[in-house]
Amino acid sequence: MQSPSLALARWQDLSPSDQASVRELSVTAQQIEYAGTIERAIENCEADGEDDIAGLAIRGDGQIVGFLVLKRRSRAPDWASPAAATISAMRIDQVHQGKGIGSAALQALPQWVSENWPESSSLTLSVDEDNKAGIRAYGKAGFQDHGVRVEGRIGWVRYMSKQAASTQ
């Protein structure tokens, strides 16, 4: 299967129409359980003017098909390394799932981080052990499992990471 062509765009750089498209993304109850609501992710991105959190719309074939949040430094979770950009709350619209969009977005993230947050040398994430589709997608995108399991908010989680483009 050929990877879909996509682009990542910061929440603040989106037109009002594209922001509305992000708000209208249709995600499953399971995605909300793992990642929270899209509205909450947007609120986090708009909460302050700092540069340590970035909401990124995923645009495929000219339309908004997903949204994710990156965090670093003061906004990163305690378990993340100081030089890491942490992926949080990635969602792909239900209609577009299973088409490789999530994997393509994960492949594009190291370049985005290298260009926008060059001091971040890696990408890291936590994923719920029961989120088998997420684990497969992260592995396919080159994320390595740290081999650590900890009890999280809704069950066991694992940590995964990969190098940002500038250090590959």
Foldseek 3Di string as FASTA:
>chain_A
DDAFDKDKDWLVPDDPVQVVLQQPFAFDPVLCVFANHSVVLVCVQVVDDDPQKTKIFIDTPRHGFWIWMWGAAPGDDPVDDNLEIEIGRITGRPVCPPVNSLLVVLLCVLVVCCVPVVSRFKYKYKGAPPPVVVVVSCVSSPWDWPPDWDADDVGIITMTMDTRPVVD
